[in-house]
Amino acid sequence: MRGIITGLGGRCRCWIDVFRRKNIEIAACVEPVAERRDKTVEAAKLPRERVFGSLTEALAKCQADFVMDVTPPKAHEPIAMEAFKAGLHVLGEKPLSDDLAAARRVVQAGKKAGLVHMITQNYRFGTAPRTTNRLLKEGVIGVPEHAMISFFMSWADAPGSHYVTEPYMLVKDMGVHHFDMMRYVLGREVEGVLAHTWNPSWGWHKGDACHTAIFQMSGGLTATHHALGCSKGHRTGWNGDWHIAGTEGSITWEGNSVFLTRGHRTANPGRTEVKLDPLPEEPLDAIMTEFLTAIKEKRQPECSSEDNLRSLAMTFAVVQSTIEKRWVKMSDLLS
């Protein structure tokens, strides 16, 4: 397989390494900023003749099977549209878009072209999400009806970064990781959202970097996501700390460990640490394997853009709810 990598910022190095581990030919790289092109060519030892200033130029001078999109969110729509027009599949970094209407257009264009379009929601490919999804399917805690996710982190503290200067970036950028995990792990879809965002006095983000969001999910499950993006004290891991409660017990994520607890009105409820399922590959490699396999088998992949639209819509619902101070129905955003 041959792929074109668009966007040579810091994240591209991870995907260059994946290409090389998977023996995927880097047909071309695309980056409009000359300084960034030169830096990456040297650091990643790329052939300079395969590095171009635009996707249009790259498509005219090389043959490829897919585009790996590592550009900023606002560029995802034009990159995907040009790739689809050229008959190329697309593997795109999250979020799908910074605009919900644009995301819908891209999803429809990919479907119309009959091409694979997958979003790199790598968090759901980790050991805790995969193991917990399996345990819930097996019914080890009965029917889950409550979930609480806490996330405390000193997040995005580079002065001048768009993560610091633009509004609601913790929800829009980091939130989509956790919201996608919620859908995957719990196996439920969101029906409505009530949210509130704010900043503490010591926060360094211009946009709110704290939130509490209540998600009413299918099957009578209520999930709460609470986040502090400018913690100067305790920090969770990047997955956050989870508590999932069901009719027969609970599953908790505590740091890097997962626990299963059963018991009611007992002094010492049964509590065991869960042995996590081994990963066949690291998350980014697993994503690439799923993407290439979907192309080969002519099917939709896990994290297809159509499915991921639901995870993305959760971020917009949180923002809309906090601005309008009301419950937001997901059907209103997805119809």
Protein backbone atom coordinates (compact mmCIF):
# COMPACT_ATOMS: atom_id res chain seq x y z
CA MET A 1 0.00 0.00 0.00
CA ARG A 2 1.09 3.55 -0.70
CA GLY A 3 0.04 6.53 1.36
CA ILE A 4 0.37 10.31 1.21
CA ILE A 5 0.92 12.00 4.57
CA THR A 6 -0.55 15.52 4.74
CA GLY A 7 0.61 17.80 7.55
CA LEU A 8 4.18 17.69 8.86
CA GLY A 9 3.64 19.02 12.37
CA GLY A 10 4.78 17.17 15.48
CA ARG A 11 2.12 14.45 15.22
CA CYS A 12 3.25 13.34 11.77
CA ARG A 13 6.38 11.69 13.19
CA CYS A 14 4.22 9.10 14.99
CA TRP A 15 2.53 8.18 11.72
CA ILE A 16 5.77 8.11 9.74
CA ASP A 17 6.98 5.52 12.24
CA VAL A 18 3.75 3.52 11.81
CA PHE A 19 4.19 3.57 8.01
CA ARG A 20 7.71 2.22 8.40
CA ARG A 21 6.76 -0.47 10.92
CA LYS A 22 3.94 -1.60 8.62
CA ASN A 23 6.08 -1.46 5.46
CA ILE A 24 3.72 1.08 3.89
CA GLU A 25 5.32 3.14 1.15
CA ILE A 26 5.36 6.87 1.85
CA ALA A 27 4.39 7.95 -1.65
CA ALA A 28 4.56 11.64 -0.71
CA CYS A 29 4.38 14.12 2.14
CA VAL A 30 2.53 17.42 2.01
CA GLU A 31 3.18 20.57 4.04
CA PRO A 32 2.53 24.17 2.92
CA VAL A 33 5.00 25.71 5.41
CA ALA A 34 8.52 25.51 3.97
CA GLU A 35 10.29 25.66 7.33
CA ARG A 36 8.26 22.72 8.62
CA ARG A 37 8.94 20.77 5.42
CA ASP A 38 12.70 21.25 5.79
CA LYS A 39 12.68 20.34 9.48
CA THR A 40 10.75 17.11 8.97
CA VAL A 41 12.72 16.06 5.89
CA GLU A 42 15.90 16.23 7.96
CA ALA A 43 14.54 14.77 11.21
CA ALA A 44 12.59 11.90 9.61
CA LYS A 45 15.08 11.31 6.80
CA LEU A 46 12.48 11.73 4.06
CA PRO A 47 13.40 11.93 0.37
CA ARG A 48 13.10 15.62 -0.44
CA GLU A 49 11.77 14.94 -3.94
CA ARG A 50 8.67 13.35 -2.39
CA VAL A 51 7.77 16.32 -0.20
CA PHE A 52 5.33 18.83 -1.70
CA GLY A 53 3.64 22.09 -0.76
CA SER A 54 0.11 20.94 -1.63
CA LEU A 55 -1.92 17.77 -2.01
CA THR A 56 -2.76 18.83 -5.56
CA GLU A 57 0.94 18.81 -6.48
CA ALA A 58 1.52 15.48 -4.75
CA LEU A 59 -1.40 13.82 -6.54
CA ALA A 60 -0.08 15.06 -9.90
CA LYS A 61 3.38 13.58 -9.33
CA CYS A 62 2.85 10.30 -7.49
CA GLN A 63 0.59 7.26 -7.23
CA ALA A 64 -1.10 6.38 -3.92
CA ASP A 65 -3.89 4.32 -2.40
CA PHE A 66 -4.82 6.54 0.54
CA VAL A 67 -4.22 9.84 2.32
CA MET A 68 -3.10 10.04 5.96
CA ASP A 69 -4.47 13.41 7.13
CA VAL A 70 -2.50 14.94 10.02
CA THR A 71 -3.49 18.55 9.29
CA PRO A 72 -5.34 20.90 11.70
CA PRO A 73 -9.12 20.26 12.00
CA LYS A 74 -10.12 23.20 9.78
CA ALA A 75 -8.18 21.64 6.88
CA HIS A 76 -9.77 18.19 7.15
CA GLU A 77 -12.70 18.93 4.84
CA PRO A 78 -10.70 20.20 1.83
CA ILE A 79 -8.09 17.44 2.23
CA ALA A 80 -10.75 14.70 2.39
CA MET A 81 -12.73 16.14 -0.51
CA GLU A 82 -9.66 16.29 -2.75
CA ALA A 83 -8.64 12.78 -1.77
CA PHE A 84 -12.13 11.38 -2.46
CA LYS A 85 -12.18 13.13 -5.83
CA ALA A 86 -8.92 11.39 -6.66
CA GLY A 87 -10.37 8.02 -5.60
CA LEU A 88 -8.24 7.71 -2.45
CA HIS A 89 -9.28 6.37 0.95
CA VAL A 90 -8.64 8.64 3.97
CA LEU A 91 -7.33 7.97 7.47
CA GLY A 92 -7.75 11.22 9.37
CA GLU A 93 -6.59 12.47 12.75
CA LYS A 94 -9.31 13.44 15.21
CA PRO A 95 -11.38 15.50 15.46
CA LEU A 96 -13.24 14.82 12.25
CA SER A 97 -13.75 18.58 11.88
CA ASP A 98 -14.02 21.79 13.88
CA ASP A 99 -17.40 22.39 12.20
CA LEU A 100 -20.31 19.95 12.48
CA ALA A 101 -21.83 20.89 9.12
CA ALA A 102 -18.45 20.36 7.44
CA ALA A 103 -18.15 16.98 9.16
CA ARG A 104 -21.54 15.96 7.77
CA ARG A 105 -20.50 17.00 4.26
CA VAL A 106 -17.30 14.97 4.46
CA VAL A 107 -19.10 11.88 5.75
CA GLN A 108 -21.62 12.03 2.91
CA ALA A 109 -18.88 12.60 0.31
CA GLY A 110 -16.94 9.56 1.49
CA LYS A 111 -20.07 7.39 1.40
CA LYS A 112 -21.01 8.63 -2.07
CA ALA A 113 -17.52 7.86 -3.35
CA GLY A 114 -17.62 4.37 -1.82
CA LEU A 115 -14.29 4.94 -0.06
CA VAL A 116 -13.04 4.09 3.43
CA HIS A 117 -12.82 7.09 5.75
CA MET A 118 -11.62 6.33 9.27
CA ILE A 119 -10.83 8.63 12.21
CA THR A 120 -7.89 7.89 14.51
CA GLN A 121 -9.63 7.54 17.88
CA ASN A 122 -6.62 5.80 19.40
CA TYR A 123 -7.77 5.94 23.03
CA ARG A 124 -10.45 3.29 22.48
CA PHE A 125 -7.76 0.88 21.25
CA GLY A 126 -6.02 0.81 24.67
CA THR A 127 -6.05 -2.07 27.15
CA ALA A 128 -8.52 -0.62 29.69
CA PRO A 129 -11.21 0.30 27.12
CA ARG A 130 -10.89 -3.01 25.23
CA THR A 131 -10.97 -5.09 28.44
CA THR A 132 -13.87 -3.15 29.97
CA ASN A 133 -15.93 -3.33 26.78
CA ARG A 134 -15.53 -7.11 26.84
CA LEU A 135 -16.45 -7.38 30.54
CA LEU A 136 -19.60 -5.32 30.08
CA LYS A 137 -20.65 -7.43 27.11
CA GLU A 138 -20.16 -10.52 29.29
CA GLY A 139 -22.47 -8.99 31.93
CA VAL A 140 -20.02 -9.21 34.83
CA ILE A 141 -21.70 -6.29 36.62
CA GLY A 142 -25.17 -6.88 35.27
CA VAL A 143 -26.79 -3.96 33.48
CA PRO A 144 -24.80 -0.70 33.83
CA GLU A 145 -26.94 2.33 34.63
CA HIS A 146 -24.37 4.80 36.02
CA ALA A 147 -20.95 5.98 34.89
CA MET A 148 -18.69 8.72 36.22
CA ILE A 149 -15.51 9.81 34.46
CA SER A 150 -13.08 12.23 36.13
CA PHE A 151 -10.21 13.86 34.28
CA PHE A 152 -7.71 16.18 35.98
CA MET A 153 -4.68 17.28 34.00
CA SER A 154 -2.34 20.23 33.38
CA TRP A 155 -3.36 20.27 29.76
CA ALA A 156 -2.09 22.44 26.88
CA ASP A 157 0.05 25.00 28.68
CA ALA A 158 2.14 26.31 25.76
CA PRO A 159 1.62 30.11 25.62
CA GLY A 160 -0.01 31.28 22.38
CA SER A 161 -1.13 27.79 21.34
CA HIS A 162 -4.62 27.59 19.84
CA TYR A 163 -5.40 25.11 22.61
CA VAL A 164 -4.86 27.99 25.05
CA THR A 165 -6.34 30.89 23.09
CA GLU A 166 -9.48 29.44 21.47
CA PRO A 167 -12.75 28.69 23.31
CA TYR A 168 -13.80 25.27 24.63
CA MET A 169 -10.67 23.50 23.41
CA LEU A 170 -10.60 20.96 26.26
CA VAL A 171 -14.07 19.83 25.18
CA LYS A 172 -13.40 20.00 21.45
CA ASP A 173 -9.94 18.40 21.35
CA MET A 174 -9.47 16.25 24.45
CA GLY A 175 -13.17 15.69 25.05
CA VAL A 176 -13.68 13.83 21.77
CA HIS A 177 -11.22 11.16 22.99
CA HIS A 178 -13.18 10.54 26.17
CA PHE A 179 -16.61 10.90 24.60
CA ASP A 180 -15.68 8.36 21.93
CA MET A 181 -14.41 6.00 24.63
CA MET A 182 -17.71 6.39 26.48
CA ARG A 183 -19.69 5.29 23.43
CA TYR A 184 -17.35 2.39 22.76
CA VAL A 185 -16.79 1.12 26.31
CA LEU A 186 -20.40 1.44 27.47
CA GLY A 187 -21.91 0.31 24.17
CA ARG A 188 -24.56 3.03 24.35
CA GLU A 189 -25.49 6.09 22.33
CA VAL A 190 -26.08 9.56 23.76
CA GLU A 191 -29.63 10.88 23.69
CA GLY A 192 -29.25 14.19 25.54
CA VAL A 193 -26.65 16.41 27.23
CA LEU A 194 -26.70 19.00 30.02
CA ALA A 195 -23.38 20.76 30.57
CA HIS A 196 -21.66 23.62 32.37
CA THR A 197 -18.14 24.93 31.65
CA TRP A 198 -15.93 27.39 33.53
CA ASN A 199 -12.38 28.40 34.41
CA PRO A 200 -10.87 28.58 37.90
CA SER A 201 -9.11 31.78 38.98
CA TRP A 202 -5.66 30.29 38.31
CA GLY A 203 -6.45 28.90 34.85
CA TRP A 204 -4.23 29.82 31.90
CA HIS A 205 -6.74 29.05 29.12
CA LYS A 206 -8.72 31.93 27.60
CA GLY A 207 -11.51 29.50 26.81
CA ASP A 208 -13.13 27.41 29.53
CA ALA A 209 -11.01 24.40 30.44
CA CYS A 210 -13.27 22.87 33.08
CA HIS A 211 -16.63 21.21 32.64
CA THR A 212 -19.25 18.93 34.06
CA ALA A 213 -21.43 17.22 31.46
CA ILE A 214 -24.32 14.87 32.13
CA PHE A 215 -25.04 12.49 29.27
CA GLN A 216 -28.33 10.63 29.12
CA MET A 217 -27.51 7.47 27.18
CA SER A 218 -29.59 4.71 25.65
CA GLY A 219 -30.76 1.87 27.84
CA GLY A 220 -31.37 4.09 30.86
CA LEU A 221 -27.69 4.80 31.54
CA THR A 222 -26.59 8.21 32.85
CA ALA A 223 -22.93 9.16 32.51
CA THR A 224 -21.20 12.21 33.97
CA HIS A 225 -17.90 13.57 32.64
CA HIS A 226 -16.07 15.97 34.94
CA ALA A 227 -12.83 17.62 33.83
CA LEU A 228 -10.27 20.12 35.09
CA GLY A 229 -7.77 20.99 32.38
CA CYS A 230 -5.54 23.23 34.50
CA SER A 231 -4.89 21.11 37.58
CA LYS A 232 -2.04 22.28 39.80
CA GLY A 233 -2.53 19.30 42.09
CA HIS A 234 -3.60 15.69 41.56
CA ARG A 235 -3.66 14.46 37.99
CA THR A 236 -5.39 11.43 36.56
CA GLY A 237 -3.95 9.43 33.69
CA TRP A 238 -4.92 10.43 30.16
CA ASN A 239 -7.79 7.93 30.20
CA GLY A 240 -9.19 9.51 33.36
CA ASP A 241 -10.60 7.65 36.37
CA TRP A 242 -13.85 5.78 35.70
CA HIS A 243 -16.61 4.29 37.85
CA ILE A 244 -19.19 2.16 36.02
CA ALA A 245 -21.97 0.83 38.23
CA GLY A 246 -24.39 -1.93 37.33
CA THR A 247 -27.02 -4.10 38.95
CA GLU A 248 -24.41 -6.63 40.14
CA GLY A 249 -21.34 -4.51 40.93
CA SER A 250 -18.93 -1.97 39.50
CA ILE A 251 -15.86 -1.60 37.30
CA THR A 252 -13.40 1.18 38.13
CA TRP A 253 -10.36 2.57 36.39
CA GLU A 254 -7.90 3.79 38.99
CA GLY A 255 -4.68 5.09 37.49
CA ASN A 256 -3.39 2.33 35.23
CA SER A 257 -5.39 -0.41 36.97
CA VAL A 258 -8.92 -1.75 36.48
CA PHE A 259 -10.91 -3.23 39.37
CA LEU A 260 -14.06 -5.32 39.58
CA THR A 261 -16.07 -4.95 42.80
CA ARG A 262 -19.14 -6.88 43.89
CA GLY A 263 -20.97 -6.70 47.20
CA HIS A 264 -23.88 -5.07 48.98
CA ARG A 265 -24.10 -4.33 52.70
CA THR A 266 -20.93 -6.26 53.40
CA ALA A 267 -17.93 -5.09 55.38
CA ASN A 268 -15.50 -6.27 52.73
CA PRO A 269 -17.04 -6.30 49.28
CA GLY A 270 -15.36 -8.62 46.82
CA ARG A 271 -12.77 -6.53 44.99
CA THR A 272 -10.30 -7.90 42.46
CA GLU A 273 -7.86 -6.29 40.07
CA VAL A 274 -8.67 -7.24 36.51
CA LYS A 275 -5.97 -8.73 34.35
CA LEU A 276 -6.05 -6.56 31.26
CA ASP A 277 -6.45 -8.17 27.86
CA PRO A 278 -3.19 -8.15 25.92
CA LEU A 279 -3.12 -5.87 22.91
CA PRO A 280 -2.25 -7.49 19.58
CA GLU A 281 -0.64 -4.18 18.60
CA GLU A 282 -0.07 -0.73 20.01
CA PRO A 283 -3.08 1.58 19.41
CA LEU A 284 -1.74 3.49 16.38
CA ASP A 285 -0.59 0.28 14.71
CA ALA A 286 -3.98 -1.31 15.47
CA ILE A 287 -5.74 1.64 13.85
CA MET A 288 -3.65 1.28 10.70
CA THR A 289 -4.31 -2.47 10.62
CA GLU A 290 -8.07 -1.88 10.92
CA PHE A 291 -7.97 0.78 8.20
CA LEU A 292 -6.03 -1.35 5.71
CA THR A 293 -8.11 -4.45 6.48
CA ALA A 294 -11.33 -2.51 5.89
CA ILE A 295 -10.01 -1.41 2.49
CA LYS A 296 -9.07 -4.98 1.60
CA GLU A 297 -12.39 -6.42 2.79
CA LYS A 298 -14.43 -3.55 1.29
CA ARG A 299 -16.23 -2.76 4.55
CA GLN A 300 -16.61 0.11 6.98
CA PRO A 301 -13.91 0.18 9.68
CA GLU A 302 -14.29 0.70 13.39
CA CYS A 303 -14.19 4.48 13.90
CA SER A 304 -15.55 5.14 10.43
CA SER A 305 -16.28 8.81 9.88
CA GLU A 306 -20.01 8.04 9.86
CA ASP A 307 -19.80 6.43 13.29
CA ASN A 308 -17.36 9.03 14.60
CA LEU A 309 -19.79 11.80 13.72
CA ARG A 310 -21.71 10.76 16.86
CA SER A 311 -18.63 11.21 19.05
CA LEU A 312 -17.87 14.59 17.47
CA ALA A 313 -21.48 15.73 17.93
CA MET A 314 -21.13 15.14 21.69
CA THR A 315 -18.52 17.94 21.85
CA PHE A 316 -20.81 20.36 20.02
CA ALA A 317 -23.71 19.37 22.25
CA VAL A 318 -21.66 20.17 25.37
CA VAL A 319 -20.76 23.61 24.02
CA GLN A 320 -24.34 24.34 22.94
CA SER A 321 -25.71 23.22 26.31
CA THR A 322 -23.33 25.41 28.30
CA ILE A 323 -24.06 28.47 26.13
CA GLU A 324 -27.83 28.01 26.08
CA LYS A 325 -28.04 26.60 29.64
CA ARG A 326 -30.39 23.77 28.72
CA TRP A 327 -30.59 20.10 27.81
CA VAL A 328 -29.59 19.50 24.20
CA LYS A 329 -31.05 16.56 22.28
CA MET A 330 -28.50 14.70 20.18
CA SER A 331 -31.13 14.05 17.53
CA ASP A 332 -31.25 17.80 16.86
CA LEU A 333 -27.54 17.81 15.99
CA LEU A 334 -27.47 14.55 14.04
CA SER A 335 -30.67 14.83 12.01
